[in-house]
């Protein structure tokens, strides 16, 4: 198993971001809970189709 410097690179984080957003969570809330930057949350949601 790999240890990443940045939490956002870990497997499954992007999926969690999308699922939380679909359940009505805010961007800052998602960032706080997952311990990632809010800009990463925004970029992840923009890339999703």
PDB file of N, CA and C in Angstrom:
ATOM      1  N   UNK A   1       0.844  -1.183   0.000  1.00  0.00           N
ATOM      2  CA  UNK A   1       0.000   0.000   0.000  1.00  0.00           C
ATOM      3  C   UNK A   1       0.887   1.243   0.000  1.00  0.00           C
ATOM      4  N   UNK A   2       0.489   2.220  -0.771  1.00  0.00           N
ATOM      5  CA  UNK A   2       1.265   3.447  -0.900  1.00  0.00           C
ATOM      6  C   UNK A   2       0.865   4.471   0.147  1.00  0.00           C
ATOM      7  N   UNK A   3       1.836   5.242   0.578  1.00  0.00           N
ATOM      8  CA  UNK A   3       1.572   6.373   1.465  1.00  0.00           C
ATOM      9  C   UNK A   3       1.749   7.647   0.654  1.00  0.00           C
ATOM     10  N   UNK A   4       0.676   8.383   0.477  1.00  0.00           N
ATOM     11  CA  UNK A   4       0.714   9.609  -0.308  1.00  0.00           C
ATOM     12  C   UNK A   4       0.961  10.814   0.586  1.00  0.00           C
ATOM     13  N   UNK A   5       1.653  11.798   0.037  1.00  0.00           N
ATOM     14  CA  UNK A   5       1.869  13.052   0.760  1.00  0.00           C
ATOM     15  C   UNK A   5       0.578  13.848   0.842  1.00  0.00           C
ATOM     16  N   UNK A   6      -0.213  13.788  -0.215  1.00  0.00           N
ATOM     17  CA  UNK A   6      -1.456  14.542  -0.278  1.00  0.00           C
ATOM     18  C   UNK A   6      -2.639  13.591  -0.181  1.00  0.00           C
ATOM     19  N   UNK A   7      -3.524  13.883   0.728  1.00  0.00           N
ATOM     20  CA  UNK A   7      -4.693  13.035   0.970  1.00  0.00           C
ATOM     21  C   UNK A   7      -5.566  12.899  -0.277  1.00  0.00           C
ATOM     22  N   UNK A   8      -5.620  13.922  -1.107  1.00  0.00           N
ATOM     23  CA  UNK A   8      -6.484  13.911  -2.289  1.00  0.00           C
ATOM     24  C   UNK A   8      -6.063  12.858  -3.311  1.00  0.00           C
ATOM     25  N   UNK A   9      -4.825  12.387  -3.261  1.00  0.00           N
ATOM     26  CA  UNK A   9      -4.351  11.381  -4.204  1.00  0.00           C
ATOM     27  C   UNK A   9      -4.761   9.969  -3.811  1.00  0.00           C
ATOM     28  N   UNK A  10      -5.217   9.787  -2.588  1.00  0.00           N
ATOM     29  CA  UNK A  10      -5.561   8.448  -2.125  1.00  0.00           C
ATOM     30  C   UNK A  10      -6.735   7.873  -2.909  1.00  0.00           C
ATOM     31  N   UNK A  11      -6.725   6.580  -3.022  1.00  0.00           N
ATOM     32  CA  UNK A  11      -7.760   5.883  -3.784  1.00  0.00           C
ATOM     33  C   UNK A  11      -9.124   6.061  -3.116  1.00  0.00           C
ATOM     34  N   UNK A  12     -10.119   6.412  -3.904  1.00  0.00           N
ATOM     35  CA  UNK A  12     -11.478   6.530  -3.403  1.00  0.00           C
ATOM     36  C   UNK A  12     -11.887   7.917  -2.946  1.00  0.00           C
ATOM     37  N   UNK A  13     -10.956   8.847  -2.843  1.00  0.00           N
ATOM     38  CA  UNK A  13     -11.280  10.197  -2.370  1.00  0.00           C
ATOM     39  C   UNK A  13     -12.175  10.917  -3.373  1.00  0.00           C
ATOM     40  N   UNK A  14     -11.861  10.809  -4.650  1.00  0.00           N
ATOM     41  CA  UNK A  14     -12.673  11.484  -5.670  1.00  0.00           C
ATOM     42  C   UNK A  14     -14.107  10.957  -5.670  1.00  0.00           C
ATOM     43  N   UNK A  15     -14.260   9.664  -5.484  1.00  0.00           N
ATOM     44  CA  UNK A  15     -15.596   9.065  -5.427  1.00  0.00           C
ATOM     45  C   UNK A  15     -16.357   9.590  -4.214  1.00  0.00           C
ATOM     46  N   UNK A  16     -15.673   9.707  -3.082  1.00  0.00           N
ATOM     47  CA  UNK A  16     -16.308  10.234  -1.871  1.00  0.00           C
ATOM     48  C   UNK A  16     -16.746  11.679  -2.066  1.00  0.00           C
ATOM     49  N   UNK A  17     -15.924  12.474  -2.741  1.00  0.00           N
ATOM     50  CA  UNK A  17     -16.259  13.875  -2.997  1.00  0.00           C
ATOM     51  C   UNK A  17     -17.562  13.960  -3.784  1.00  0.00           C
ATOM     52  N   UNK A  18     -17.659  13.176  -4.840  1.00  0.00           N
ATOM     53  CA  UNK A  18     -18.854  13.201  -5.690  1.00  0.00           C
ATOM     54  C   UNK A  18     -20.078  12.722  -4.915  1.00  0.00           C
ATOM     55  N   UNK A  19     -19.932  11.639  -4.158  1.00  0.00           N
ATOM     56  CA  UNK A  19     -21.059  11.107  -3.391  1.00  0.00           C
ATOM     57  C   UNK A  19     -21.546  12.106  -2.350  1.00  0.00           C
ATOM     58  N   UNK A  20     -20.619  12.765  -1.665  1.00  0.00           N
ATOM     59  CA  UNK A  20     -21.006  13.742  -0.648  1.00  0.00           C
ATOM     60  C   UNK A  20     -21.697  14.945  -1.284  1.00  0.00           C
ATOM     61  N   UNK A  21     -21.203  15.370  -2.441  1.00  0.00           N
ATOM     62  CA  UNK A  21     -21.819  16.505  -3.130  1.00  0.00           C
ATOM     63  C   UNK A  21     -23.237  16.158  -3.586  1.00  0.00           C
ATOM     64  N   UNK A  22     -23.429  14.949  -4.052  1.00  0.00           N
ATOM     65  CA  UNK A  22     -24.755  14.516  -4.504  1.00  0.00           C
ATOM     66  C   UNK A  22     -25.739  14.405  -3.337  1.00  0.00           C
ATOM     67  N   UNK A  23     -25.224  14.237  -2.132  1.00  0.00           N
ATOM     68  CA  UNK A  23     -26.073  14.149  -0.942  1.00  0.00           C
ATOM     69  C   UNK A  23     -26.286  15.506  -0.276  1.00  0.00           C
ATOM     70  N   UNK A  24     -25.870  16.573  -0.952  1.00  0.00           N
ATOM     71  CA  UNK A  24     -26.170  17.912  -0.463  1.00  0.00           C
ATOM     72  C   UNK A  24     -25.132  18.534   0.447  1.00  0.00           C
ATOM     73  N   UNK A  25     -23.975  17.945   0.548  1.00  0.00           N
ATOM     74  CA  UNK A  25     -22.913  18.533   1.367  1.00  0.00           C
ATOM     75  C   UNK A  25     -22.291  19.710   0.631  1.00  0.00           C
ATOM     76  N   UNK A  26     -21.851  20.694   1.370  1.00  0.00           N
ATOM     77  CA  UNK A  26     -21.198  21.851   0.777  1.00  0.00           C
ATOM     78  C   UNK A  26     -19.733  21.588   0.506  1.00  0.00           C
ATOM     79  N   UNK A  27     -19.147  22.450  -0.293  1.00  0.00           N
ATOM     80  CA  UNK A  27     -17.747  22.288  -0.681  1.00  0.00           C
ATOM     81  C   UNK A  27     -16.823  22.380   0.527  1.00  0.00           C
ATOM     82  N   UNK A  28     -17.055  23.368   1.377  1.00  0.00           N
ATOM     83  CA  UNK A  28     -16.195  23.522   2.553  1.00  0.00           C
ATOM     84  C   UNK A  28     -16.368  22.364   3.521  1.00  0.00           C
ATOM     85  N   UNK A  29     -17.586  21.853   3.627  1.00  0.00           N
ATOM     86  CA  UNK A  29     -17.853  20.713   4.500  1.00  0.00           C
ATOM     87  C   UNK A  29     -17.118  19.470   4.003  1.00  0.00           C
ATOM     88  N   UNK A  30     -17.178  19.227   2.702  1.00  0.00           N
ATOM     89  CA  UNK A  30     -16.483  18.077   2.121  1.00  0.00           C
ATOM     90  C   UNK A  30     -14.982  18.190   2.365  1.00  0.00           C
ATOM     91  N   UNK A  31     -14.440  19.376   2.125  1.00  0.00           N
ATOM     92  CA  UNK A  31     -13.004  19.596   2.319  1.00  0.00           C
ATOM     93  C   UNK A  31     -12.600  19.358   3.770  1.00  0.00           C
ATOM     94  N   UNK A  32     -13.413  19.819   4.686  1.00  0.00           N
ATOM     95  CA  UNK A  32     -13.112  19.670   6.108  1.00  0.00           C
ATOM     96  C   UNK A  32     -13.151  18.203   6.534  1.00  0.00           C
ATOM     97  N   UNK A  33     -14.168  17.486   6.108  1.00  0.00           N
ATOM     98  CA  UNK A  33     -14.343  16.092   6.515  1.00  0.00           C
ATOM     99  C   UNK A  33     -13.256  15.189   5.926  1.00  0.00           C
ATOM    100  N   UNK A  34     -12.913  15.410   4.668  1.00  0.00           N
ATOM    101  CA  UNK A  34     -11.930  14.558   3.995  1.00  0.00           C
ATOM    102  C   UNK A  34     -10.491  15.034   4.170  1.00  0.00           C
ATOM    103  N   UNK A  35     -10.304  16.179   4.802  1.00  0.00           N
ATOM    104  CA  UNK A  35      -8.968  16.755   5.039  1.00  0.00           C
ATOM    105  C   UNK A  35      -8.235  17.032   3.727  1.00  0.00           C
ATOM    106  N   UNK A  36      -8.964  17.652   2.783  1.00  0.00           N
ATOM    107  CA  UNK A  36      -8.354  18.082   1.531  1.00  0.00           C
ATOM    108  C   UNK A  36      -8.720  19.544   1.298  1.00  0.00           C
ATOM    109  N   UNK A  37      -8.041  20.179   0.357  1.00  0.00           N
ATOM    110  CA  UNK A  37      -8.262  21.592   0.075  1.00  0.00           C
ATOM    111  C   UNK A  37      -9.585  21.797  -0.663  1.00  0.00           C
ATOM    112  N   UNK A  38     -10.242  22.922  -0.381  1.00  0.00           N
ATOM    113  CA  UNK A  38     -11.523  23.207  -1.046  1.00  0.00           C
ATOM    114  C   UNK A  38     -11.351  23.371  -2.547  1.00  0.00           C
ATOM    115  N   UNK A  39     -10.205  23.849  -2.984  1.00  0.00           N
ATOM    116  CA  UNK A  39      -9.950  23.984  -4.422  1.00  0.00           C
ATOM    117  C   UNK A  39      -9.862  22.615  -5.098  1.00  0.00           C
ATOM    118  N   UNK A  40      -9.377  21.621  -4.375  1.00  0.00           N
ATOM    119  CA  UNK A  40      -9.337  20.258  -4.893  1.00  0.00           C
ATOM    120  C   UNK A  40     -10.745  19.712  -5.054  1.00  0.00           C
ATOM    121  N   UNK A  41     -11.614  20.022  -4.103  1.00  0.00           N
ATOM    122  CA  UNK A  41     -13.013  19.592  -4.182  1.00  0.00           C
ATOM    123  C   UNK A  41     -13.675  20.215  -5.409  1.00  0.00           C
ATOM    124  N   UNK A  42     -13.468  21.505  -5.597  1.00  0.00           N
ATOM    125  CA  UNK A  42     -14.061  22.206  -6.739  1.00  0.00           C
ATOM    126  C   UNK A  42     -13.546  21.618  -8.052  1.00  0.00           C
ATOM    127  N   UNK A  43     -12.247  21.393  -8.147  1.00  0.00           N
ATOM    128  CA  UNK A  43     -11.663  20.842  -9.372  1.00  0.00           C
ATOM    129  C   UNK A  43     -12.202  19.446  -9.659  1.00  0.00           C
ATOM    130  N   UNK A  44     -12.368  18.645  -8.622  1.00  0.00           N
ATOM    131  CA  UNK A  44     -12.896  17.291  -8.797  1.00  0.00           C
ATOM    132  C   UNK A  44     -14.320  17.330  -9.318  1.00  0.00           C
ATOM    133  N   UNK A  45     -15.127  18.227  -8.783  1.00  0.00           N
ATOM    134  CA  UNK A  45     -16.517  18.324  -9.218  1.00  0.00           C
ATOM    135  C   UNK A  45     -16.636  18.903 -10.627  1.00  0.00           C
ATOM    136  N   UNK A  46     -15.728  19.793 -10.997  1.00  0.00           N
ATOM    137  CA  UNK A  46     -15.745  20.356 -12.352  1.00  0.00           C
ATOM    138  C   UNK A  46     -15.381  19.303 -13.392  1.00  0.00           C
ATOM    139  N   UNK A  47     -14.489  18.392 -13.041  1.00  0.00           N
ATOM    140  CA  UNK A  47     -14.035  17.369 -13.978  1.00  0.00           C
ATOM    141  C   UNK A  47     -15.071  16.279 -14.190  1.00  0.00           C
ATOM    142  N   UNK A  48     -15.979  16.090 -13.240  1.00  0.00           N
ATOM    143  CA  UNK A  48     -17.001  15.050 -13.356  1.00  0.00           C
ATOM    144  C   UNK A  48     -18.042  15.445 -14.385  1.00  0.00           C
ATOM    145  N   UNK A  49     -18.509  14.484 -15.161  1.00  0.00           N
ATOM    146  CA  UNK A  49     -19.520  14.758 -16.184  1.00  0.00           C
ATOM    147  C   UNK A  49     -20.870  14.304 -15.724  1.00  0.00           C
TER     148      UNK A  49
END
